[in-house]
Amino acid sequence: MSVAKVTRNSLRERDLFIEPDLTGAELREANLARANLCRAELSEANLARANLTGANLSEANLSRADLTDASLTVADLSRADLPSTDLSEAHLLRADLAEADLMSADLTGAKLTGAELREADLSGADLSGADLSGADLSTASLTQEELEPATGDENTRLPADLNPPAHWGVKTDEQAEED
């Protein structure tokens, strides 16, 4: 395998916007902190326990990828395709998942504290034990039934038609008026 020598003059501006195809790549435990993977093809990739802290994965295709226990703190996953992706136990603290497709994603035990989930599609997602404390789901697509197994707090912003599950211990406006 040859290694290309890259000099500043050999790079053209268009080369800086490569959309890598990493379909099915084995990237388990890889350190990809702050990597620019915008619009990357990562479907079916194994990124279990990978460090993607601060990575740019906006508009990336991560469908059916394994991101079990991955660190995605402050990562940009806006408009990313994540259907049927395994994000169980993933660390998504303050991650941007606005407009992301998370249909049927496994978010079991995921830490989504302070995450941005506006206009995200969580239809059919498994939120069992997911921590949504302080997350913004105000315009997300999900049902009350999908929300029930998750945890959250008084700072979790929910769509107008959903209520915090009783086990959150958060009073709704209606409950506060009854007291």
C-alpha atoms as a PDB file:
ATOM      1  CA  MET A   1       0.000   0.000   0.000  1.00  0.00           C
ATOM      2  CA  SER A   2       1.428   3.367  -0.966  1.00  0.00           C
ATOM      3  CA  VAL A   3       1.072   6.454   1.159  1.00  0.00           C
ATOM      4  CA  ALA A   4       0.455   9.716  -0.635  1.00  0.00           C
ATOM      5  CA  LYS A   5       2.417  12.725   0.486  1.00  0.00           C
ATOM      6  CA  VAL A   6       0.088  15.663   0.926  1.00  0.00           C
ATOM      7  CA  THR A   7       1.436  19.169   0.757  1.00  0.00           C
ATOM      8  CA  ARG A   8      -0.469  22.376   1.199  1.00  0.00           C
ATOM      9  CA  ASN A   9      -0.204  23.088  -2.531  1.00  0.00           C
ATOM     10  CA  SER A  10      -1.458  19.628  -3.513  1.00  0.00           C
ATOM     11  CA  LEU A  11      -4.790  20.143  -1.770  1.00  0.00           C
ATOM     12  CA  ARG A  12      -7.535  21.779  -3.755  1.00  0.00           C
ATOM     13  CA  GLU A  13     -10.480  23.438  -2.040  1.00  0.00           C
ATOM     14  CA  ARG A  14     -12.884  20.735  -3.279  1.00  0.00           C
ATOM     15  CA  ASP A  15     -10.698  18.068  -1.626  1.00  0.00           C
ATOM     16  CA  LEU A  16     -11.566  19.507   1.768  1.00  0.00           C
ATOM     17  CA  PHE A  17     -15.193  18.473   1.345  1.00  0.00           C
ATOM     18  CA  ILE A  18     -14.785  14.760   0.725  1.00  0.00           C
ATOM     19  CA  GLU A  19     -17.805  12.696   1.759  1.00  0.00           C
ATOM     20  CA  PRO A  20     -16.129   9.470   2.905  1.00  0.00           C
ATOM     21  CA  ASP A  21     -17.729   6.090   2.245  1.00  0.00           C
ATOM     22  CA  LEU A  22     -17.138   4.000   5.354  1.00  0.00           C
ATOM     23  CA  THR A  23     -20.037   1.585   4.873  1.00  0.00           C
ATOM     24  CA  GLY A  24     -19.590  -1.360   7.229  1.00  0.00           C
ATOM     25  CA  ALA A  25     -16.257  -0.033   8.517  1.00  0.00           C
ATOM     26  CA  GLU A  26     -14.762  -1.563  11.688  1.00  0.00           C
ATOM     27  CA  LEU A  27     -14.106   1.500  13.846  1.00  0.00           C
ATOM     28  CA  ARG A  28     -14.729  -0.036  17.266  1.00  0.00           C
ATOM     29  CA  GLU A  29     -13.080   2.068  20.015  1.00  0.00           C
ATOM     30  CA  ALA A  30     -11.625   4.466  17.408  1.00  0.00           C
ATOM     31  CA  ASN A  31     -10.683   7.973  18.530  1.00  0.00           C
ATOM     32  CA  LEU A  32     -12.548  10.244  16.134  1.00  0.00           C
ATOM     33  CA  ALA A  33     -12.943  13.194  18.496  1.00  0.00           C
ATOM     34  CA  ARG A  34     -13.685  16.401  16.582  1.00  0.00           C
ATOM     35  CA  ALA A  35     -13.540  14.524  13.234  1.00  0.00           C
ATOM     36  CA  ASN A  36     -15.345  16.099  10.290  1.00  0.00           C
ATOM     37  CA  LEU A  37     -17.567  13.325   8.965  1.00  0.00           C
ATOM     38  CA  CYS A  38     -20.234  15.612   7.547  1.00  0.00           C
ATOM     39  CA  ARG A  39     -22.356  13.685   5.011  1.00  0.00           C
ATOM     40  CA  ALA A  40     -20.226  10.553   5.525  1.00  0.00           C
ATOM     41  CA  GLU A  41     -21.605   7.135   4.593  1.00  0.00           C
ATOM     42  CA  LEU A  42     -21.315   5.084   7.793  1.00  0.00           C
ATOM     43  CA  SER A  43     -24.253   2.709   7.431  1.00  0.00           C
ATOM     44  CA  GLU A  44     -23.698  -0.597   9.216  1.00  0.00           C
ATOM     45  CA  ALA A  45     -20.346   0.654  10.582  1.00  0.00           C
ATOM     46  CA  ASN A  46     -19.146  -0.630  13.952  1.00  0.00           C
ATOM     47  CA  LEU A  47     -18.439   2.430  16.107  1.00  0.00           C
ATOM     48  CA  ALA A  48     -19.057   0.742  19.457  1.00  0.00           C
ATOM     49  CA  ARG A  49     -17.230   2.582  22.255  1.00  0.00           C
ATOM     50  CA  ALA A  50     -15.746   5.023  19.723  1.00  0.00           C
ATOM     51  CA  ASN A  51     -14.820   8.520  20.863  1.00  0.00           C
ATOM     52  CA  LEU A  52     -16.768  10.930  18.634  1.00  0.00           C
ATOM     53  CA  THR A  53     -16.776  13.805  21.116  1.00  0.00           C
ATOM     54  CA  GLY A  54     -17.347  17.058  19.242  1.00  0.00           C
ATOM     55  CA  ALA A  55     -17.409  15.286  15.856  1.00  0.00           C
ATOM     56  CA  ASN A  56     -19.334  16.741  12.927  1.00  0.00           C
ATOM     57  CA  LEU A  57     -21.669  14.006  11.682  1.00  0.00           C
ATOM     58  CA  SER A  58     -24.299  16.333  10.270  1.00  0.00           C
ATOM     59  CA  GLU A  59     -26.236  14.758   7.407  1.00  0.00           C
ATOM     60  CA  ALA A  60     -24.217  11.531   7.801  1.00  0.00           C
ATOM     61  CA  ASN A  61     -25.833   8.173   7.060  1.00  0.00           C
ATOM     62  CA  LEU A  62     -25.453   6.008  10.171  1.00  0.00           C
ATOM     63  CA  SER A  63     -28.371   3.683   9.493  1.00  0.00           C
ATOM     64  CA  ARG A  64     -28.014   0.305  11.225  1.00  0.00           C
ATOM     65  CA  ALA A  65     -24.630   1.373  12.655  1.00  0.00           C
ATOM     66  CA  ASP A  66     -23.432   0.139  16.047  1.00  0.00           C
ATOM     67  CA  LEU A  67     -22.747   3.104  18.331  1.00  0.00           C
ATOM     68  CA  THR A  68     -23.128   1.150  21.577  1.00  0.00           C
ATOM     69  CA  ASP A  69     -21.503   3.036  24.467  1.00  0.00           C
ATOM     70  CA  ALA A  70     -19.985   5.568  22.029  1.00  0.00           C
ATOM     71  CA  SER A  71     -19.058   9.043  23.261  1.00  0.00           C
ATOM     72  CA  LEU A  72     -20.946  11.610  21.170  1.00  0.00           C
ATOM     73  CA  THR A  73     -20.877  14.463  23.670  1.00  0.00           C
ATOM     74  CA  VAL A  74     -21.438  17.817  21.902  1.00  0.00           C
ATOM     75  CA  ALA A  75     -21.370  16.016  18.527  1.00  0.00           C
ATOM     76  CA  ASP A  76     -23.275  17.512  15.601  1.00  0.00           C
ATOM     77  CA  LEU A  77     -25.705  14.878  14.305  1.00  0.00           C
ATOM     78  CA  SER A  78     -28.179  17.364  12.862  1.00  0.00           C
ATOM     79  CA  ARG A  79     -30.144  15.953   9.931  1.00  0.00           C
ATOM     80  CA  ALA A  80     -28.266  12.631  10.301  1.00  0.00           C
ATOM     81  CA  ASP A  81     -29.878   9.369   9.209  1.00  0.00           C
ATOM     82  CA  LEU A  82     -29.892   7.009  12.214  1.00  0.00           C
ATOM     83  CA  PRO A  83     -32.802   4.616  11.587  1.00  0.00           C
ATOM     84  CA  SER A  84     -32.406   1.231  13.318  1.00  0.00           C
ATOM     85  CA  THR A  85     -29.084   2.405  14.771  1.00  0.00           C
ATOM     86  CA  ASP A  86     -27.857   0.967  18.074  1.00  0.00           C
ATOM     87  CA  LEU A  87     -27.161   3.920  20.370  1.00  0.00           C
ATOM     88  CA  SER A  88     -27.663   1.955  23.587  1.00  0.00           C
ATOM     89  CA  GLU A  89     -25.668   3.391  26.489  1.00  0.00           C
ATOM     90  CA  ALA A  90     -24.287   6.107  24.148  1.00  0.00           C
ATOM     91  CA  HIS A  91     -23.207   9.428  25.664  1.00  0.00           C
ATOM     92  CA  LEU A  92     -25.048  12.127  23.712  1.00  0.00           C
ATOM     93  CA  LEU A  93     -24.771  14.938  26.266  1.00  0.00           C
ATOM     94  CA  ARG A  94     -25.550  18.286  24.622  1.00  0.00           C
ATOM     95  CA  ALA A  95     -25.445  16.607  21.188  1.00  0.00           C
ATOM     96  CA  ASP A  96     -27.252  18.284  18.289  1.00  0.00           C
ATOM     97  CA  LEU A  97     -29.758  15.794  16.877  1.00  0.00           C
ATOM     98  CA  ALA A  98     -32.087  18.400  15.362  1.00  0.00           C
ATOM     99  CA  GLU A  99     -34.014  16.974  12.398  1.00  0.00           C
ATOM    100  CA  ALA A 100     -32.263  13.605  12.803  1.00  0.00           C
ATOM    101  CA  ASP A 101     -34.013  10.423  11.685  1.00  0.00           C
ATOM    102  CA  LEU A 102     -33.967   8.122  14.722  1.00  0.00           C
ATOM    103  CA  MET A 103     -36.838   5.882  13.635  1.00  0.00           C
ATOM    104  CA  SER A 104     -36.630   2.518  15.418  1.00  0.00           C
ATOM    105  CA  ALA A 105     -33.252   3.452  16.933  1.00  0.00           C
ATOM    106  CA  ASP A 106     -32.161   1.703  20.126  1.00  0.00           C
ATOM    107  CA  LEU A 107     -31.529   4.454  22.685  1.00  0.00           C
ATOM    108  CA  THR A 108     -31.726   2.121  25.691  1.00  0.00           C
ATOM    109  CA  GLY A 109     -29.831   3.727  28.561  1.00  0.00           C
ATOM    110  CA  ALA A 110     -28.509   6.550  26.348  1.00  0.00           C
ATOM    111  CA  LYS A 111     -27.502   9.770  28.068  1.00  0.00           C
ATOM    112  CA  LEU A 112     -29.205  12.603  26.169  1.00  0.00           C
ATOM    113  CA  THR A 113     -28.864  15.266  28.858  1.00  0.00           C
ATOM    114  CA  GLY A 114     -29.222  18.693  27.263  1.00  0.00           C
ATOM    115  CA  ALA A 115     -29.485  17.216  23.759  1.00  0.00           C
ATOM    116  CA  GLU A 116     -31.135  19.140  20.937  1.00  0.00           C
ATOM    117  CA  LEU A 117     -33.847  16.931  19.422  1.00  0.00           C
ATOM    118  CA  ARG A 118     -36.123  19.500  17.785  1.00  0.00           C
ATOM    119  CA  GLU A 119     -37.887  18.003  14.741  1.00  0.00           C
ATOM    120  CA  ALA A 120     -36.124  14.665  15.303  1.00  0.00           C
ATOM    121  CA  ASP A 121     -38.125  11.597  14.297  1.00  0.00           C
ATOM    122  CA  LEU A 122     -38.138   9.174  17.235  1.00  0.00           C
ATOM    123  CA  SER A 123     -41.005   7.042  15.920  1.00  0.00           C
ATOM    124  CA  GLY A 124     -40.574   3.494  17.157  1.00  0.00           C
ATOM    125  CA  ALA A 125     -37.356   4.337  19.041  1.00  0.00           C
ATOM    126  CA  ASP A 126     -36.617   2.443  22.250  1.00  0.00           C
ATOM    127  CA  LEU A 127     -36.054   5.043  24.980  1.00  0.00           C
ATOM    128  CA  SER A 128     -35.984   2.558  27.888  1.00  0.00           C
ATOM    129  CA  GLY A 129     -33.834   4.098  30.607  1.00  0.00           C
ATOM    130  CA  ALA A 130     -32.704   6.951  28.333  1.00  0.00           C
ATOM    131  CA  ASP A 131     -31.918  10.158  30.251  1.00  0.00           C
ATOM    132  CA  LEU A 132     -33.658  13.106  28.584  1.00  0.00           C
ATOM    133  CA  SER A 133     -32.959  15.607  31.381  1.00  0.00           C
ATOM    134  CA  GLY A 134     -32.829  19.101  29.917  1.00  0.00           C
ATOM    135  CA  ALA A 135     -33.264  17.814  26.345  1.00  0.00           C
ATOM    136  CA  ASP A 136     -35.330  19.781  23.835  1.00  0.00           C
ATOM    137  CA  LEU A 137     -37.914  17.496  22.249  1.00  0.00           C
ATOM    138  CA  SER A 138     -40.430  20.326  21.807  1.00  0.00           C
ATOM    139  CA  THR A 139     -41.076  19.547  18.136  1.00  0.00           C
ATOM    140  CA  ALA A 140     -39.857  15.940  18.013  1.00  0.00           C
ATOM    141  CA  SER A 141     -42.001  13.127  16.617  1.00  0.00           C
ATOM    142  CA  LEU A 142     -42.700  10.594  19.360  1.00  0.00           C
ATOM    143  CA  THR A 143     -45.639   9.228  21.286  1.00  0.00           C
ATOM    144  CA  GLN A 144     -46.475   9.217  24.974  1.00  0.00           C
ATOM    145  CA  GLU A 145     -45.942   5.446  24.935  1.00  0.00           C
ATOM    146  CA  GLU A 146     -42.412   5.857  23.517  1.00  0.00           C
ATOM    147  CA  LEU A 147     -41.630   8.530  26.131  1.00  0.00           C
ATOM    148  CA  GLU A 148     -42.852   6.534  29.160  1.00  0.00           C
ATOM    149  CA  PRO A 149     -39.743   4.343  29.747  1.00  0.00           C
ATOM    150  CA  ALA A 150     -37.363   7.330  29.603  1.00  0.00           C
ATOM    151  CA  THR A 151     -36.276   9.596  32.457  1.00  0.00           C
ATOM    152  CA  GLY A 152     -36.310  13.357  32.385  1.00  0.00           C
ATOM    153  CA  ASP A 153     -36.776  16.413  34.547  1.00  0.00           C
ATOM    154  CA  GLU A 154     -38.529  19.769  34.753  1.00  0.00           C
ATOM    155  CA  ASN A 155     -36.090  21.154  32.159  1.00  0.00           C
ATOM    156  CA  THR A 156     -36.992  18.564  29.506  1.00  0.00           C
ATOM    157  CA  ARG A 157     -38.989  20.299  26.769  1.00  0.00           C
ATOM    158  CA  LEU A 158     -41.713  18.058  25.357  1.00  0.00           C
ATOM    159  CA  PRO A 159     -44.143  18.442  22.463  1.00  0.00           C
ATOM    160  CA  ALA A 160     -47.373  20.175  23.544  1.00  0.00           C
ATOM    161  CA  ASP A 161     -49.390  16.960  23.208  1.00  0.00           C
ATOM    162  CA  LEU A 162     -47.144  14.940  25.579  1.00  0.00           C
ATOM    163  CA  ASN A 163     -46.811  14.983  29.364  1.00  0.00           C
ATOM    164  CA  PRO A 164     -43.864  14.057  31.562  1.00  0.00           C
ATOM    165  CA  PRO A 165     -44.346  10.465  32.732  1.00  0.00           C
ATOM    166  CA  ALA A 166     -45.466  10.231  36.371  1.00  0.00           C
ATOM    167  CA  HIS A 167     -42.169   8.618  37.465  1.00  0.00           C
ATOM    168  CA  TRP A 168     -40.315  11.828  36.485  1.00  0.00           C
ATOM    169  CA  GLY A 169     -41.928  13.560  39.455  1.00  0.00           C
ATOM    170  CA  VAL A 170     -42.566  16.674  37.356  1.00  0.00           C
ATOM    171  CA  LYS A 171     -45.835  18.509  37.738  1.00  0.00           C
ATOM    172  CA  THR A 172     -47.595  19.586  34.572  1.00  0.00           C
ATOM    173  CA  ASP A 173     -49.338  22.966  34.389  1.00  0.00           C
ATOM    174  CA  GLU A 174     -52.653  21.168  34.907  1.00  0.00           C
ATOM    175  CA  GLN A 175     -51.372  19.393  38.031  1.00  0.00           C
ATOM    176  CA  ALA A 176     -49.971  22.637  39.449  1.00  0.00           C
ATOM    177  CA  GLU A 177     -53.396  24.316  39.051  1.00  0.00           C
ATOM    178  CA  GLU A 178     -55.083  21.447  40.978  1.00  0.00           C
ATOM    179  CA  ASP A 179     -52.810  21.927  44.038  1.00  0.00           C
END
